[in-house]
């Protein structure tokens, strides 16, 4: 495999990883903006113990 081919694959993988991380961060922020949902999840988690 030549160096340029490896370079664009590496850049593509890095770009996809950053896009995935950004999507996860936006989704988590969306959940934190709904306190009723977070309270319900916390109550369900603590009911397991």
PDB file of N, CA and C in Angstrom:
ATOM      1  N   UNK A   1       0.856  -1.178   0.000  1.00  0.00           N
ATOM      2  CA  UNK A   1       0.000   0.000   0.000  1.00  0.00           C
ATOM      3  C   UNK A   1       0.901   1.241   0.000  1.00  0.00           C
ATOM      4  N   UNK A   2       0.583   2.164  -0.866  1.00  0.00           N
ATOM      5  CA  UNK A   2       1.404   3.372  -0.959  1.00  0.00           C
ATOM      6  C   UNK A   2       1.032   4.363   0.141  1.00  0.00           C
ATOM      7  N   UNK A   3       1.935   5.288   0.378  1.00  0.00           N
ATOM      8  CA  UNK A   3       1.728   6.277   1.443  1.00  0.00           C
ATOM      9  C   UNK A   3       0.512   7.168   1.206  1.00  0.00           C
ATOM     10  N   UNK A   4       0.283   7.692  -0.016  1.00  0.00           N
ATOM     11  CA  UNK A   4      -0.908   8.548  -0.201  1.00  0.00           C
ATOM     12  C   UNK A   4      -2.215   7.809   0.056  1.00  0.00           C
ATOM     13  N   UNK A   5      -2.267   6.526  -0.336  1.00  0.00           N
ATOM     14  CA  UNK A   5      -3.497   5.768  -0.109  1.00  0.00           C
ATOM     15  C   UNK A   5      -3.723   5.583   1.392  1.00  0.00           C
ATOM     16  N   UNK A   6      -2.682   5.316   2.138  1.00  0.00           N
ATOM     17  CA  UNK A   6      -2.797   5.154   3.580  1.00  0.00           C
ATOM     18  C   UNK A   6      -3.184   6.478   4.233  1.00  0.00           C
ATOM     19  N   UNK A   7      -2.677   7.583   3.697  1.00  0.00           N
ATOM     20  CA  UNK A   7      -2.946   8.899   4.266  1.00  0.00           C
ATOM     21  C   UNK A   7      -4.433   9.251   4.180  1.00  0.00           C
ATOM     22  N   UNK A   8      -5.054   9.059   3.019  1.00  0.00           N
ATOM     23  CA  UNK A   8      -6.464   9.440   2.914  1.00  0.00           C
ATOM     24  C   UNK A   8      -7.345   8.514   3.717  1.00  0.00           C
ATOM     25  N   UNK A   9      -6.962   7.257   3.858  1.00  0.00           N
ATOM     26  CA  UNK A   9      -7.749   6.348   4.699  1.00  0.00           C
ATOM     27  C   UNK A   9      -7.649   6.739   6.159  1.00  0.00           C
ATOM     28  N   UNK A  10      -6.466   7.145   6.576  1.00  0.00           N
ATOM     29  CA  UNK A  10      -6.275   7.584   7.951  1.00  0.00           C
ATOM     30  C   UNK A  10      -7.076   8.854   8.227  1.00  0.00           C
ATOM     31  N   UNK A  11      -7.041   9.783   7.269  1.00  0.00           N
ATOM     32  CA  UNK A  11      -7.813  11.020   7.436  1.00  0.00           C
ATOM     33  C   UNK A  11      -9.305  10.740   7.446  1.00  0.00           C
ATOM     34  N   UNK A  12      -9.762   9.812   6.615  1.00  0.00           N
ATOM     35  CA  UNK A  12     -11.175   9.443   6.580  1.00  0.00           C
ATOM     36  C   UNK A  12     -11.597   8.829   7.913  1.00  0.00           C
ATOM     37  N   UNK A  13     -10.768   7.927   8.449  1.00  0.00           N
ATOM     38  CA  UNK A  13     -11.084   7.298   9.729  1.00  0.00           C
ATOM     39  C   UNK A  13     -11.128   8.337  10.845  1.00  0.00           C
ATOM     40  N   UNK A  14     -10.187   9.275  10.841  1.00  0.00           N
ATOM     41  CA  UNK A  14     -10.177  10.325  11.862  1.00  0.00           C
ATOM     42  C   UNK A  14     -11.414  11.215  11.734  1.00  0.00           C
ATOM     43  N   UNK A  15     -11.778  11.556  10.522  1.00  0.00           N
ATOM     44  CA  UNK A  15     -12.958  12.385  10.298  1.00  0.00           C
ATOM     45  C   UNK A  15     -14.237  11.697  10.758  1.00  0.00           C
ATOM     46  N   UNK A  16     -14.350  10.405  10.466  1.00  0.00           N
ATOM     47  CA  UNK A  16     -15.531   9.661  10.903  1.00  0.00           C
ATOM     48  C   UNK A  16     -15.585   9.550  12.422  1.00  0.00           C
ATOM     49  N   UNK A  17     -14.435   9.355  13.040  1.00  0.00           N
ATOM     50  CA  UNK A  17     -14.402   9.270  14.506  1.00  0.00           C
ATOM     51  C   UNK A  17     -14.813  10.600  15.129  1.00  0.00           C
ATOM     52  N   UNK A  18     -14.339  11.700  14.568  1.00  0.00           N
ATOM     53  CA  UNK A  18     -14.708  13.013  15.111  1.00  0.00           C
ATOM     54  C   UNK A  18     -16.187  13.298  14.887  1.00  0.00           C
ATOM     55  N   UNK A  19     -16.722  12.893  13.744  1.00  0.00           N
ATOM     56  CA  UNK A  19     -18.149  13.095  13.478  1.00  0.00           C
ATOM     57  C   UNK A  19     -18.999  12.276  14.444  1.00  0.00           C
ATOM     58  N   UNK A  20     -18.572  11.067  14.731  1.00  0.00           N
ATOM     59  CA  UNK A  20     -19.294  10.215  15.673  1.00  0.00           C
ATOM     60  C   UNK A  20     -19.247  10.813  17.080  1.00  0.00           C
ATOM     61  N   UNK A  21     -18.075  11.298  17.483  1.00  0.00           N
ATOM     62  CA  UNK A  21     -17.936  11.910  18.806  1.00  0.00           C
ATOM     63  C   UNK A  21     -18.808  13.157  18.913  1.00  0.00           C
ATOM     64  N   UNK A  22     -18.844  13.977  17.867  1.00  0.00           N
ATOM     65  CA  UNK A  22     -19.667  15.184  17.892  1.00  0.00           C
ATOM     66  C   UNK A  22     -21.149  14.829  17.977  1.00  0.00           C
ATOM     67  N   UNK A  23     -21.567  13.785  17.279  1.00  0.00           N
ATOM     68  CA  UNK A  23     -22.965  13.354  17.320  1.00  0.00           C
ATOM     69  C   UNK A  23     -23.344  12.883  18.721  1.00  0.00           C
ATOM     70  N   UNK A  24     -22.467  12.119  19.340  1.00  0.00           N
ATOM     71  CA  UNK A  24     -22.731  11.643  20.709  1.00  0.00           C
ATOM     72  C   UNK A  24     -22.831  12.823  21.670  1.00  0.00           C
ATOM     73  N   UNK A  25     -21.941  13.795  21.538  1.00  0.00           N
ATOM     74  CA  UNK A  25     -21.988  14.968  22.421  1.00  0.00           C
ATOM     75  C   UNK A  25     -23.286  15.745  22.246  1.00  0.00           C
ATOM     76  N   UNK A  26     -23.747  15.903  21.020  1.00  0.00           N
ATOM     77  CA  UNK A  26     -25.008  16.620  20.775  1.00  0.00           C
ATOM     78  C   UNK A  26     -26.180  15.849  21.378  1.00  0.00           C
ATOM     79  N   UNK A  27     -26.171  14.528  21.241  1.00  0.00           N
ATOM     80  CA  UNK A  27     -27.260  13.737  21.813  1.00  0.00           C
ATOM     81  C   UNK A  27     -27.271  13.806  23.337  1.00  0.00           C
ATOM     82  N   UNK A  28     -26.110  13.747  23.959  1.00  0.00           N
ATOM     83  CA  UNK A  28     -26.043  13.848  25.420  1.00  0.00           C
ATOM     84  C   UNK A  28     -26.508  15.224  25.874  1.00  0.00           C
ATOM     85  N   UNK A  29     -26.094  16.274  25.169  1.00  0.00           N
ATOM     86  CA  UNK A  29     -26.562  17.616  25.513  1.00  0.00           C
ATOM     87  C   UNK A  29     -28.079  17.702  25.385  1.00  0.00           C
ATOM     88  N   UNK A  30     -28.629  17.079  24.351  1.00  0.00           N
ATOM     89  CA  UNK A  30     -30.080  17.069  24.181  1.00  0.00           C
ATOM     90  C   UNK A  30     -30.792  16.394  25.336  1.00  0.00           C
ATOM     91  N   UNK A  31     -30.207  15.307  25.848  1.00  0.00           N
ATOM     92  CA  UNK A  31     -30.824  14.639  26.994  1.00  0.00           C
ATOM     93  C   UNK A  31     -30.730  15.482  28.257  1.00  0.00           C
ATOM     94  N   UNK A  32     -29.618  16.159  28.461  1.00  0.00           N
ATOM     95  CA  UNK A  32     -29.474  17.002  29.649  1.00  0.00           C
ATOM     96  C   UNK A  32     -30.375  18.224  29.585  1.00  0.00           C
ATOM     97  N   UNK A  33     -30.824  18.602  28.412  1.00  0.00           N
ATOM     98  CA  UNK A  33     -31.733  19.740  28.315  1.00  0.00           C
ATOM     99  C   UNK A  33     -33.173  19.340  28.660  1.00  0.00           C
ATOM    100  N   UNK A  34     -33.390  18.047  28.906  1.00  0.00           N
ATOM    101  CA  UNK A  34     -34.705  17.551  29.330  1.00  0.00           C
ATOM    102  C   UNK A  34     -34.575  16.988  30.743  1.00  0.00           C
ATOM    103  N   UNK A  35     -34.703  17.827  31.772  1.00  0.00           N
ATOM    104  CA  UNK A  35     -34.471  17.353  33.143  1.00  0.00           C
ATOM    105  C   UNK A  35     -35.453  16.270  33.583  1.00  0.00           C
ATOM    106  N   UNK A  36     -36.669  16.280  33.070  1.00  0.00           N
ATOM    107  CA  UNK A  36     -37.625  15.251  33.470  1.00  0.00           C
ATOM    108  C   UNK A  36     -37.163  13.867  33.020  1.00  0.00           C
ATOM    109  N   UNK A  37     -36.583  13.788  31.857  1.00  0.00           N
ATOM    110  CA  UNK A  37     -36.067  12.510  31.364  1.00  0.00           C
ATOM    111  C   UNK A  37     -34.891  12.039  32.211  1.00  0.00           C
ATOM    112  N   UNK A  38     -33.980  12.968  32.533  1.00  0.00           N
ATOM    113  CA  UNK A  38     -32.816  12.602  33.336  1.00  0.00           C
ATOM    114  C   UNK A  38     -33.242  12.158  34.742  1.00  0.00           C
ATOM    115  N   UNK A  39     -34.241  12.811  35.315  1.00  0.00           N
ATOM    116  CA  UNK A  39     -34.741  12.420  36.633  1.00  0.00           C
ATOM    117  C   UNK A  39     -35.363  11.032  36.579  1.00  0.00           C
ATOM    118  N   UNK A  40     -36.114  10.753  35.535  1.00  0.00           N
ATOM    119  CA  UNK A  40     -36.722   9.436  35.380  1.00  0.00           C
ATOM    120  C   UNK A  40     -35.641   8.357  35.241  1.00  0.00           C
ATOM    121  N   UNK A  41     -34.605   8.628  34.459  1.00  0.00           N
ATOM    122  CA  UNK A  41     -33.524   7.658  34.292  1.00  0.00           C
ATOM    123  C   UNK A  41     -32.780   7.430  35.604  1.00  0.00           C
ATOM    124  N   UNK A  42     -32.547   8.492  36.363  1.00  0.00           N
ATOM    125  CA  UNK A  42     -31.877   8.347  37.654  1.00  0.00           C
ATOM    126  C   UNK A  42     -32.728   7.525  38.610  1.00  0.00           C
ATOM    127  N   UNK A  43     -34.020   7.762  38.636  1.00  0.00           N
ATOM    128  CA  UNK A  43     -34.911   6.982  39.505  1.00  0.00           C
ATOM    129  C   UNK A  43     -34.932   5.514  39.106  1.00  0.00           C
ATOM    130  N   UNK A  44     -34.953   5.241  37.805  1.00  0.00           N
ATOM    131  CA  UNK A  44     -34.934   3.845  37.361  1.00  0.00           C
ATOM    132  C   UNK A  44     -33.617   3.174  37.700  1.00  0.00           C
ATOM    133  N   UNK A  45     -32.526   3.907  37.605  1.00  0.00           N
ATOM    134  CA  UNK A  45     -31.229   3.336  37.942  1.00  0.00           C
ATOM    135  C   UNK A  45     -31.154   2.999  39.423  1.00  0.00           C
ATOM    136  N   UNK A  46     -31.603   3.938  40.284  1.00  0.00           N
ATOM    137  CA  UNK A  46     -31.524   3.700  41.719  1.00  0.00           C
ATOM    138  C   UNK A  46     -32.520   2.649  42.182  1.00  0.00           C
ATOM    139  N   UNK A  47     -33.594   2.413  41.424  1.00  0.00           N
ATOM    140  CA  UNK A  47     -34.549   1.382  41.840  1.00  0.00           C
ATOM    141  C   UNK A  47     -33.974  -0.020  41.692  1.00  0.00           C
ATOM    142  N   UNK A  48     -32.869  -0.146  40.969  1.00  0.00           N
ATOM    143  CA  UNK A  48     -32.219  -1.468  40.819  1.00  0.00           C
ATOM    144  C   UNK A  48     -31.495  -1.885  42.090  1.00  0.00           C
ATOM    145  N   UNK A  49     -31.197  -0.940  42.984  1.00  0.00           N
ATOM    146  CA  UNK A  49     -30.376  -1.262  44.162  1.00  0.00           C
ATOM    147  C   UNK A  49     -31.217  -1.431  45.391  1.00  0.00           C
TER     148      UNK A  49
END
